[in-house]
Amino acid sequence: FRCALRREASGPLLVDIGSGQPTTLL
């Protein structure tokens, strides 16, 4: 969120935020 607040581009932004590491529930 802090990075999104600081971005300079004025257009709309839509991005995914995660760890990028899939983990099973078990």
mmCIF file of all heavy atoms, coordinates in Angstrom:
data_MODEL
# 
_entry.id   MODEL 
# 
loop_
_atom_site.group_PDB 
_atom_site.id 
_atom_site.type_symbol 
_atom_site.label_atom_id 
_atom_site.label_alt_id 
_atom_site.label_comp_id 
_atom_site.label_asym_id 
_atom_site.label_entity_id 
_atom_site.label_seq_id 
_atom_site.pdbx_PDB_ins_code 
_atom_site.Cartn_x 
_atom_site.Cartn_y 
_atom_site.Cartn_z 
_atom_site.occupancy 
_atom_site.B_iso_or_equiv 
_atom_site.pdbx_formal_charge 
_atom_site.auth_seq_id 
_atom_site.auth_comp_id 
_atom_site.auth_asym_id 
_atom_site.auth_atom_id 
_atom_site.pdbx_PDB_model_num 
ATOM 1   N N   . PHE A 1 1  ? 0.833  -1.204  0.000   1.00 0.00 ? 1  PHE A N   1 
ATOM 2   C CA  . PHE A 1 1  ? 0.000  0.000   0.000   1.00 0.00 ? 1  PHE A CA  1 
ATOM 3   C C   . PHE A 1 1  ? 0.871  1.259   0.000   1.00 0.00 ? 1  PHE A C   1 
ATOM 4   O O   . PHE A 1 1  ? 0.569  2.229   -0.701  1.00 0.00 ? 1  PHE A O   1 
ATOM 5   C CB  . PHE A 1 1  ? -0.935 -0.001  1.209   1.00 0.00 ? 1  PHE A CB  1 
ATOM 6   C CG  . PHE A 1 1  ? -2.232 -0.701  0.960   1.00 0.00 ? 1  PHE A CG  1 
ATOM 7   C CD1 . PHE A 1 1  ? -2.445 -1.988  1.407   1.00 0.00 ? 1  PHE A CD1 1 
ATOM 8   C CD2 . PHE A 1 1  ? -3.247 -0.076  0.257   1.00 0.00 ? 1  PHE A CD2 1 
ATOM 9   C CE1 . PHE A 1 1  ? -3.641 -2.647  1.173   1.00 0.00 ? 1  PHE A CE1 1 
ATOM 10  C CE2 . PHE A 1 1  ? -4.450 -0.719  0.004   1.00 0.00 ? 1  PHE A CE2 1 
ATOM 11  C CZ  . PHE A 1 1  ? -4.650 -2.011  0.463   1.00 0.00 ? 1  PHE A CZ  1 
ATOM 12  N N   . ARG A 1 2  ? 1.936  1.244   0.758   1.00 0.00 ? 2  ARG A N   1 
ATOM 13  C CA  . ARG A 1 2  ? 2.827  2.404   0.784   1.00 0.00 ? 2  ARG A CA  1 
ATOM 14  C C   . ARG A 1 2  ? 3.454  2.634   -0.593  1.00 0.00 ? 2  ARG A C   1 
ATOM 15  O O   . ARG A 1 2  ? 3.594  3.776   -1.039  1.00 0.00 ? 2  ARG A O   1 
ATOM 16  C CB  . ARG A 1 2  ? 3.902  2.206   1.844   1.00 0.00 ? 2  ARG A CB  1 
ATOM 17  C CG  . ARG A 1 2  ? 3.374  2.212   3.268   1.00 0.00 ? 2  ARG A CG  1 
ATOM 18  C CD  . ARG A 1 2  ? 4.471  1.862   4.257   1.00 0.00 ? 2  ARG A CD  1 
ATOM 19  N NE  . ARG A 1 2  ? 5.492  2.901   4.312   1.00 0.00 ? 2  ARG A NE  1 
ATOM 20  C CZ  . ARG A 1 2  ? 6.781  2.665   4.584   1.00 0.00 ? 2  ARG A CZ  1 
ATOM 21  N NH1 . ARG A 1 2  ? 7.210  1.414   4.784   1.00 0.00 ? 2  ARG A NH1 1 
ATOM 22  N NH2 . ARG A 1 2  ? 7.634  3.652   4.642   1.00 0.00 ? 2  ARG A NH2 1 
ATOM 23  N N   . CYS A 1 3  ? 3.814  1.547   -1.262  1.00 0.00 ? 3  CYS A N   1 
ATOM 24  C CA  . CYS A 1 3  ? 4.367  1.674   -2.620  1.00 0.00 ? 3  CYS A CA  1 
ATOM 25  C C   . CYS A 1 3  ? 3.324  2.233   -3.581  1.00 0.00 ? 3  CYS A C   1 
ATOM 26  O O   . CYS A 1 3  ? 3.639  3.066   -4.443  1.00 0.00 ? 3  CYS A O   1 
ATOM 27  C CB  . CYS A 1 3  ? 4.868  0.326   -3.119  1.00 0.00 ? 3  CYS A CB  1 
ATOM 28  S SG  . CYS A 1 3  ? 6.374  -0.270  -2.316  1.00 0.00 ? 3  CYS A SG  1 
ATOM 29  N N   . ALA A 1 4  ? 2.075  1.789   -3.445  1.00 0.00 ? 4  ALA A N   1 
ATOM 30  C CA  . ALA A 1 4  ? 1.007  2.284   -4.312  1.00 0.00 ? 4  ALA A CA  1 
ATOM 31  C C   . ALA A 1 4  ? 0.776  3.777   -4.098  1.00 0.00 ? 4  ALA A C   1 
ATOM 32  O O   . ALA A 1 4  ? 0.485  4.519   -5.040  1.00 0.00 ? 4  ALA A O   1 
ATOM 33  C CB  . ALA A 1 4  ? -0.273 1.503   -4.052  1.00 0.00 ? 4  ALA A CB  1 
ATOM 34  N N   . LEU A 1 5  ? 0.916  4.227   -2.849  1.00 0.00 ? 5  LEU A N   1 
ATOM 35  C CA  . LEU A 1 5  ? 0.742  5.644   -2.551  1.00 0.00 ? 5  LEU A CA  1 
ATOM 36  C C   . LEU A 1 5  ? 1.845  6.491   -3.165  1.00 0.00 ? 5  LEU A C   1 
ATOM 37  O O   . LEU A 1 5  ? 1.628  7.655   -3.508  1.00 0.00 ? 5  LEU A O   1 
ATOM 38  C CB  . LEU A 1 5  ? 0.705  5.856   -1.037  1.00 0.00 ? 5  LEU A CB  1 
ATOM 39  C CG  . LEU A 1 5  ? -0.578 5.430   -0.336  1.00 0.00 ? 5  LEU A CG  1 
ATOM 40  C CD1 . LEU A 1 5  ? -0.382 5.366   1.164   1.00 0.00 ? 5  LEU A CD1 1 
ATOM 41  C CD2 . LEU A 1 5  ? -1.699 6.413   -0.686  1.00 0.00 ? 5  LEU A CD2 1 
ATOM 42  N N   . ARG A 1 6  ? 3.027  5.906   -3.308  1.00 0.00 ? 6  ARG A N   1 
ATOM 43  C CA  . ARG A 1 6  ? 4.175  6.663   -3.803  1.00 0.00 ? 6  ARG A CA  1 
ATOM 44  C C   . ARG A 1 6  ? 4.325  6.622   -5.322  1.00 0.00 ? 6  ARG A C   1 
ATOM 45  O O   . ARG A 1 6  ? 5.148  7.349   -5.880  1.00 0.00 ? 6  ARG A O   1 
ATOM 46  C CB  . ARG A 1 6  ? 5.463  6.138   -3.165  1.00 0.00 ? 6  ARG A CB  1 
ATOM 47  C CG  . ARG A 1 6  ? 5.588  6.409   -1.681  1.00 0.00 ? 6  ARG A CG  1 
ATOM 48  C CD  . ARG A 1 6  ? 7.012  6.180   -1.201  1.00 0.00 ? 6  ARG A CD  1 
ATOM 49  N NE  . ARG A 1 6  ? 7.439  4.797   -1.386  1.00 0.00 ? 6  ARG A NE  1 
ATOM 50  C CZ  . ARG A 1 6  ? 7.394  3.875   -0.431  1.00 0.00 ? 6  ARG A CZ  1 
ATOM 51  N NH1 . ARG A 1 6  ? 6.915  4.189   0.770   1.00 0.00 ? 6  ARG A NH1 1 
ATOM 52  N NH2 . ARG A 1 6  ? 7.806  2.645   -0.660  1.00 0.00 ? 6  ARG A NH2 1 
ATOM 53  N N   . ARG A 1 7  ? 3.574  5.773   -5.999  1.00 0.00 ? 7  ARG A N   1 
ATOM 54  C CA  . ARG A 1 7  ? 3.794  5.620   -7.439  1.00 0.00 ? 7  ARG A CA  1 
ATOM 55  C C   . ARG A 1 7  ? 3.496  6.924   -8.166  1.00 0.00 ? 7  ARG A C   1 
ATOM 56  O O   . ARG A 1 7  ? 2.586  7.669   -7.801  1.00 0.00 ? 7  ARG A O   1 
ATOM 57  C CB  . ARG A 1 7  ? 2.960  4.458   -7.988  1.00 0.00 ? 7  ARG A CB  1 
ATOM 58  C CG  . ARG A 1 7  ? 1.484  4.742   -8.131  1.00 0.00 ? 7  ARG A CG  1 
ATOM 59  C CD  . ARG A 1 7  ? 0.722  3.502   -8.591  1.00 0.00 ? 7  ARG A CD  1 
ATOM 60  N NE  . ARG A 1 7  ? -0.693 3.800   -8.744  1.00 0.00 ? 7  ARG A NE  1 
ATOM 61  C CZ  . ARG A 1 7  ? -1.274 4.101   -9.905  1.00 0.00 ? 7  ARG A CZ  1 
ATOM 62  N NH1 . ARG A 1 7  ? -0.542 4.146   -11.013 1.00 0.00 ? 7  ARG A NH1 1 
ATOM 63  N NH2 . ARG A 1 7  ? -2.564 4.358   -9.977  1.00 0.00 ? 7  ARG A NH2 1 
ATOM 64  N N   . GLU A 1 8  ? 4.245  7.173   -9.205  1.00 0.00 ? 8  GLU A N   1 
ATOM 65  C CA  . GLU A 1 8  ? 4.139  8.440   -9.931  1.00 0.00 ? 8  GLU A CA  1 
ATOM 66  C C   . GLU A 1 8  ? 3.143  8.382   -11.075 1.00 0.00 ? 8  GLU A C   1 
ATOM 67  O O   . GLU A 1 8  ? 2.586  9.409   -11.461 1.00 0.00 ? 8  GLU A O   1 
ATOM 68  C CB  . GLU A 1 8  ? 5.520  8.845   -10.459 1.00 0.00 ? 8  GLU A CB  1 
ATOM 69  C CG  . GLU A 1 8  ? 6.528  9.132   -9.345  1.00 0.00 ? 8  GLU A CG  1 
ATOM 70  C CD  . GLU A 1 8  ? 7.872  9.564   -9.892  1.00 0.00 ? 8  GLU A CD  1 
ATOM 71  O OE1 . GLU A 1 8  ? 8.020  9.628   -11.132 1.00 0.00 ? 8  GLU A OE1 1 
ATOM 72  O OE2 . GLU A 1 8  ? 8.781  9.834   -9.077  1.00 0.00 ? 8  GLU A OE2 1 
ATOM 73  N N   . ALA A 1 9  ? 2.915  7.216   -11.639 1.00 0.00 ? 9  ALA A N   1 
ATOM 74  C CA  . ALA A 1 9  ? 1.997  7.104   -12.770 1.00 0.00 ? 9  ALA A CA  1 
ATOM 75  C C   . ALA A 1 9  ? 0.595  7.519   -12.350 1.00 0.00 ? 9  ALA A C   1 
ATOM 76  O O   . ALA A 1 9  ? 0.137  7.203   -11.249 1.00 0.00 ? 9  ALA A O   1 
ATOM 77  C CB  . ALA A 1 9  ? 1.986  5.674   -13.292 1.00 0.00 ? 9  ALA A CB  1 
ATOM 78  N N   . SER A 1 10 ? -0.102 8.240   -13.230 1.00 0.00 ? 10 SER A N   1 
ATOM 79  C CA  . SER A 1 10 ? -1.428 8.762   -12.883 1.00 0.00 ? 10 SER A CA  1 
ATOM 80  C C   . SER A 1 10 ? -2.567 7.842   -13.291 1.00 0.00 ? 10 SER A C   1 
ATOM 81  O O   . SER A 1 10 ? -3.704 8.022   -12.850 1.00 0.00 ? 10 SER A O   1 
ATOM 82  C CB  . SER A 1 10 ? -1.631 10.131  -13.533 1.00 0.00 ? 10 SER A CB  1 
ATOM 83  O OG  . SER A 1 10 ? -1.522 10.028  -14.945 1.00 0.00 ? 10 SER A OG  1 
ATOM 84  N N   . GLY A 1 11 ? -2.304 6.868   -14.150 1.00 0.00 ? 11 GLY A N   1 
ATOM 85  C CA  . GLY A 1 11 ? -3.357 5.982   -14.623 1.00 0.00 ? 11 GLY A CA  1 
ATOM 86  C C   . GLY A 1 11 ? -3.798 4.995   -13.559 1.00 0.00 ? 11 GLY A C   1 
ATOM 87  O O   . GLY A 1 11 ? -3.158 4.844   -12.512 1.00 0.00 ? 11 GLY A O   1 
ATOM 88  N N   . PRO A 1 12 ? -4.907 4.285   -13.793 1.00 0.00 ? 12 PRO A N   1 
ATOM 89  C CA  . PRO A 1 12 ? -5.390 3.295   -12.829 1.00 0.00 ? 12 PRO A CA  1 
ATOM 90  C C   . PRO A 1 12 ? -4.415 2.128   -12.691 1.00 0.00 ? 12 PRO A C   1 
ATOM 91  O O   . PRO A 1 12 ? -3.727 1.765   -13.643 1.00 0.00 ? 12 PRO A O   1 
ATOM 92  C CB  . PRO A 1 12 ? -6.730 2.833   -13.416 1.00 0.00 ? 12 PRO A CB  1 
ATOM 93  C CG  . PRO A 1 12 ? -6.629 3.133   -14.880 1.00 0.00 ? 12 PRO A CG  1 
ATOM 94  C CD  . PRO A 1 12 ? -5.776 4.362   -14.985 1.00 0.00 ? 12 PRO A CD  1 
ATOM 95  N N   . LEU A 1 13 ? -4.394 1.564   -11.481 1.00 0.00 ? 13 LEU A N   1 
ATOM 96  C CA  . LEU A 1 13 ? -3.510 0.441   -11.183 1.00 0.00 ? 13 LEU A CA  1 
ATOM 97  C C   . LEU A 1 13 ? -4.339 -0.723  -10.665 1.00 0.00 ? 13 LEU A C   1 
ATOM 98  O O   . LEU A 1 13 ? -5.206 -0.540  -9.804  1.00 0.00 ? 13 LEU A O   1 
ATOM 99  C CB  . LEU A 1 13 ? -2.482 0.843   -10.124 1.00 0.00 ? 13 LEU A CB  1 
ATOM 100 C CG  . LEU A 1 13 ? -1.601 -0.290  -9.573  1.00 0.00 ? 13 LEU A CG  1 
ATOM 101 C CD1 . LEU A 1 13 ? -0.537 -0.663  -10.598 1.00 0.00 ? 13 LEU A CD1 1 
ATOM 102 C CD2 . LEU A 1 13 ? -0.949 0.114   -8.256  1.00 0.00 ? 13 LEU A CD2 1 
ATOM 103 N N   . LEU A 1 14 ? -4.079 -1.907  -11.181 1.00 0.00 ? 14 LEU A N   1 
ATOM 104 C CA  . LEU A 1 14 ? -4.726 -3.125  -10.693 1.00 0.00 ? 14 LEU A CA  1 
ATOM 105 C C   . LEU A 1 14 ? -3.668 -4.214  -10.624 1.00 0.00 ? 14 LEU A C   1 
ATOM 106 O O   . LEU A 1 14 ? -3.187 -4.678  -11.657 1.00 0.00 ? 14 LEU A O   1 
ATOM 107 C CB  . LEU A 1 14 ? -5.867 -3.543  -11.638 1.00 0.00 ? 14 LEU A CB  1 
ATOM 108 C CG  . LEU A 1 14 ? -6.564 -4.875  -11.338 1.00 0.00 ? 14 LEU A CG  1 
ATOM 109 C CD1 . LEU A 1 14 ? -7.194 -4.861  -9.952  1.00 0.00 ? 14 LEU A CD1 1 
ATOM 110 C CD2 . LEU A 1 14 ? -7.611 -5.181  -12.405 1.00 0.00 ? 14 LEU A CD2 1 
ATOM 111 N N   . VAL A 1 15 ? -3.272 -4.597  -9.396  1.00 0.00 ? 15 VAL A N   1 
ATOM 112 C CA  . VAL A 1 15 ? -2.229 -5.609  -9.235  1.00 0.00 ? 15 VAL A CA  1 
ATOM 113 C C   . VAL A 1 15 ? -2.601 -6.592  -8.133  1.00 0.00 ? 15 VAL A C   1 
ATOM 114 O O   . VAL A 1 15 ? -3.419 -6.308  -7.256  1.00 0.00 ? 15 VAL A O   1 
ATOM 115 C CB  . VAL A 1 15 ? -0.850 -4.991  -8.899  1.00 0.00 ? 15 VAL A CB  1 
ATOM 116 C CG1 . VAL A 1 15 ? -0.318 -4.177  -10.048 1.00 0.00 ? 15 VAL A CG1 1 
ATOM 117 C CG2 . VAL A 1 15 ? -0.913 -4.168  -7.627  1.00 0.00 ? 15 VAL A CG2 1 
ATOM 118 N N   . ASP A 1 16 ? -1.965 -7.746  -8.193  1.00 0.00 ? 16 ASP A N   1 
ATOM 119 C CA  . ASP A 1 16 ? -2.156 -8.796  -7.207  1.00 0.00 ? 16 ASP A CA  1 
ATOM 120 C C   . ASP A 1 16 ? -1.024 -8.759  -6.188  1.00 0.00 ? 16 ASP A C   1 
ATOM 121 O O   . ASP A 1 16 ? 0.143  -8.601  -6.557  1.00 0.00 ? 16 ASP A O   1 
ATOM 122 C CB  . ASP A 1 16 ? -2.187 -10.165 -7.892  1.00 0.00 ? 16 ASP A CB  1 
ATOM 123 C CG  . ASP A 1 16 ? -3.290 -10.251 -8.926  1.00 0.00 ? 16 ASP A CG  1 
ATOM 124 O OD1 . ASP A 1 16 ? -4.430 -10.545 -8.539  1.00 0.00 ? 16 ASP A OD1 1 
ATOM 125 O OD2 . ASP A 1 16 ? -3.009 -10.004 -10.116 1.00 0.00 ? 16 ASP A OD2 1 
ATOM 126 N N   . ILE A 1 17 ? -1.389 -8.938  -4.920  1.00 0.00 ? 17 ILE A N   1 
ATOM 127 C CA  . ILE A 1 17 ? -0.417 -8.900  -3.839  1.00 0.00 ? 17 ILE A CA  1 
ATOM 128 C C   . ILE A 1 17 ? -0.473 -10.221 -3.072  1.00 0.00 ? 17 ILE A C   1 
ATOM 129 O O   . ILE A 1 17 ? -1.518 -10.580 -2.508  1.00 0.00 ? 17 ILE A O   1 
ATOM 130 C CB  . ILE A 1 17 ? -0.683 -7.731  -2.871  1.00 0.00 ? 17 ILE A CB  1 
ATOM 131 C CG1 . ILE A 1 17 ? -0.658 -6.397  -3.621  1.00 0.00 ? 17 ILE A CG1 1 
ATOM 132 C CG2 . ILE A 1 17 ? 0.302  -7.752  -1.711  1.00 0.00 ? 17 ILE A CG2 1 
ATOM 133 C CD1 . ILE A 1 17 ? 0.676  -6.053  -4.247  1.00 0.00 ? 17 ILE A CD1 1 
ATOM 134 N N   . GLY A 1 18 ? 0.640  -10.942 -3.059  1.00 0.00 ? 18 GLY A N   1 
ATOM 135 C CA  . GLY A 1 18 ? 0.721  -12.211 -2.338  1.00 0.00 ? 18 GLY A CA  1 
ATOM 136 C C   . GLY A 1 18 ? 2.174  -12.542 -2.072  1.00 0.00 ? 18 GLY A C   1 
ATOM 137 O O   . GLY A 1 18 ? 3.069  -11.714 -2.268  1.00 0.00 ? 18 GLY A O   1 
ATOM 138 N N   . SER A 1 19 ? 2.400  -13.764 -1.642  1.00 0.00 ? 19 SER A N   1 
ATOM 139 C CA  . SER A 1 19 ? 3.784  -14.218 -1.446  1.00 0.00 ? 19 SER A CA  1 
ATOM 140 C C   . SER A 1 19 ? 4.363  -14.793 -2.725  1.00 0.00 ? 19 SER A C   1 
ATOM 141 O O   . SER A 1 19 ? 5.583  -14.894 -2.881  1.00 0.00 ? 19 SER A O   1 
ATOM 142 C CB  . SER A 1 19 ? 3.829  -15.286 -0.349  1.00 0.00 ? 19 SER A CB  1 
ATOM 143 O OG  . SER A 1 19 ? 3.214  -16.488 -0.797  1.00 0.00 ? 19 SER A OG  1 
ATOM 144 N N   . GLY A 1 20 ? 3.470  -15.215 -3.628  1.00 0.00 ? 20 GLY A N   1 
ATOM 145 C CA  . GLY A 1 20 ? 3.912  -15.891 -4.838  1.00 0.00 ? 20 GLY A CA  1 
ATOM 146 C C   . GLY A 1 20 ? 4.303  -17.336 -4.609  1.00 0.00 ? 20 GLY A C   1 
ATOM 147 O O   . GLY A 1 20 ? 4.817  -17.993 -5.517  1.00 0.00 ? 20 GLY A O   1 
ATOM 148 N N   . GLN A 1 21 ? 4.043  -17.833 -3.396  1.00 0.00 ? 21 GLN A N   1 
ATOM 149 C CA  . GLN A 1 21 ? 4.420  -19.207 -3.037  1.00 0.00 ? 21 GLN A CA  1 
ATOM 150 C C   . GLN A 1 21 ? 3.174  -20.015 -2.685  1.00 0.00 ? 21 GLN A C   1 
ATOM 151 O O   . GLN A 1 21 ? 2.597  -19.830 -1.609  1.00 0.00 ? 21 GLN A O   1 
ATOM 152 C CB  . GLN A 1 21 ? 5.379  -19.201 -1.843  1.00 0.00 ? 21 GLN A CB  1 
ATOM 153 C CG  . GLN A 1 21 ? 6.685  -18.471 -2.088  1.00 0.00 ? 21 GLN A CG  1 
ATOM 154 C CD  . GLN A 1 21 ? 7.516  -19.145 -3.168  1.00 0.00 ? 21 GLN A CD  1 
ATOM 155 O OE1 . GLN A 1 21 ? 7.593  -20.368 -3.238  1.00 0.00 ? 21 GLN A OE1 1 
ATOM 156 N NE2 . GLN A 1 21 ? 8.159  -18.335 -3.995  1.00 0.00 ? 21 GLN A NE2 1 
ATOM 157 N N   . PRO A 1 22 ? 2.712  -20.907 -3.558  1.00 0.00 ? 22 PRO A N   1 
ATOM 158 C CA  . PRO A 1 22 ? 1.533  -21.718 -3.228  1.00 0.00 ? 22 PRO A CA  1 
ATOM 159 C C   . PRO A 1 22 ? 1.837  -22.726 -2.126  1.00 0.00 ? 22 PRO A C   1 
ATOM 160 O O   . PRO A 1 22 ? 2.892  -23.362 -2.126  1.00 0.00 ? 22 PRO A O   1 
ATOM 161 C CB  . PRO A 1 22 ? 1.216  -22.428 -4.550  1.00 0.00 ? 22 PRO A CB  1 
ATOM 162 C CG  . PRO A 1 22 ? 2.520  -22.457 -5.295  1.00 0.00 ? 22 PRO A CG  1 
ATOM 163 C CD  . PRO A 1 22 ? 3.252  -21.212 -4.895  1.00 0.00 ? 22 PRO A CD  1 
ATOM 164 N N   . THR A 1 23 ? 0.915  -22.848 -1.174  1.00 0.00 ? 23 THR A N   1 
ATOM 165 C CA  . THR A 1 23 ? 1.080  -23.751 -0.037  1.00 0.00 ? 23 THR A CA  1 
ATOM 166 C C   . THR A 1 23 ? -0.228 -24.492 0.191   1.00 0.00 ? 23 THR A C   1 
ATOM 167 O O   . THR A 1 23 ? -1.303 -23.872 0.195   1.00 0.00 ? 23 THR A O   1 
ATOM 168 C CB  . THR A 1 23 ? 1.432  -22.955 1.244   1.00 0.00 ? 23 THR A CB  1 
ATOM 169 O OG1 . THR A 1 23 ? 2.580  -22.151 1.003   1.00 0.00 ? 23 THR A OG1 1 
ATOM 170 C CG2 . THR A 1 23 ? 1.713  -23.889 2.411   1.00 0.00 ? 23 THR A CG2 1 
ATOM 171 N N   . THR A 1 24 ? -0.158 -25.801 0.395   1.00 0.00 ? 24 THR A N   1 
ATOM 172 C CA  . THR A 1 24 ? -1.386 -26.546 0.667   1.00 0.00 ? 24 THR A CA  1 
ATOM 173 C C   . THR A 1 24 ? -1.806 -26.333 2.116   1.00 0.00 ? 24 THR A C   1 
ATOM 174 O O   . THR A 1 24 ? -0.990 -26.016 2.992   1.00 0.00 ? 24 THR A O   1 
ATOM 175 C CB  . THR A 1 24 ? -1.226 -28.048 0.421   1.00 0.00 ? 24 THR A CB  1 
ATOM 176 O OG1 . THR A 1 24 ? -0.341 -28.604 1.408   1.00 0.00 ? 24 THR A OG1 1 
ATOM 177 C CG2 . THR A 1 24 ? -0.702 -28.334 -0.978  1.00 0.00 ? 24 THR A CG2 1 
ATOM 178 N N   . LEU A 1 25 ? -3.086 -26.546 2.367   1.00 0.00 ? 25 LEU A N   1 
ATOM 179 C CA  . LEU A 1 25 ? -3.606 -26.386 3.722   1.00 0.00 ? 25 LEU A CA  1 
ATOM 180 C C   . LEU A 1 25 ? -2.968 -27.388 4.680   1.00 0.00 ? 25 LEU A C   1 
ATOM 181 O O   . LEU A 1 25 ? -2.703 -27.062 5.845   1.00 0.00 ? 25 LEU A O   1 
ATOM 182 C CB  . LEU A 1 25 ? -5.129 -26.553 3.709   1.00 0.00 ? 25 LEU A CB  1 
ATOM 183 C CG  . LEU A 1 25 ? -5.916 -25.734 4.729   1.00 0.00 ? 25 LEU A CG  1 
ATOM 184 C CD1 . LEU A 1 25 ? -5.621 -24.255 4.584   1.00 0.00 ? 25 LEU A CD1 1 
ATOM 185 C CD2 . LEU A 1 25 ? -7.403 -25.999 4.581   1.00 0.00 ? 25 LEU A CD2 1 
ATOM 186 N N   . LEU A 1 26 ? -2.690 -28.595 4.190   1.00 0.00 ? 26 LEU A N   1 
ATOM 187 C CA  . LEU A 1 26 ? -2.045 -29.583 5.048   1.00 0.00 ? 26 LEU A CA  1 
ATOM 188 C C   . LEU A 1 26 ? -0.620 -29.158 5.385   1.00 0.00 ? 26 LEU A C   1 
ATOM 189 O O   . LEU A 1 26 ? -0.172 -29.331 6.530   1.00 0.00 ? 26 LEU A O   1 
ATOM 190 C CB  . LEU A 1 26 ? -2.037 -30.953 4.368   1.00 0.00 ? 26 LEU A CB  1 
ATOM 191 C CG  . LEU A 1 26 ? -1.382 -32.085 5.173   1.00 0.00 ? 26 LEU A CG  1 
ATOM 192 C CD1 . LEU A 1 26 ? -2.046 -32.255 6.539   1.00 0.00 ? 26 LEU A CD1 1 
ATOM 193 C CD2 . LEU A 1 26 ? -1.429 -33.399 4.387   1.00 0.00 ? 26 LEU A CD2 1 
# 
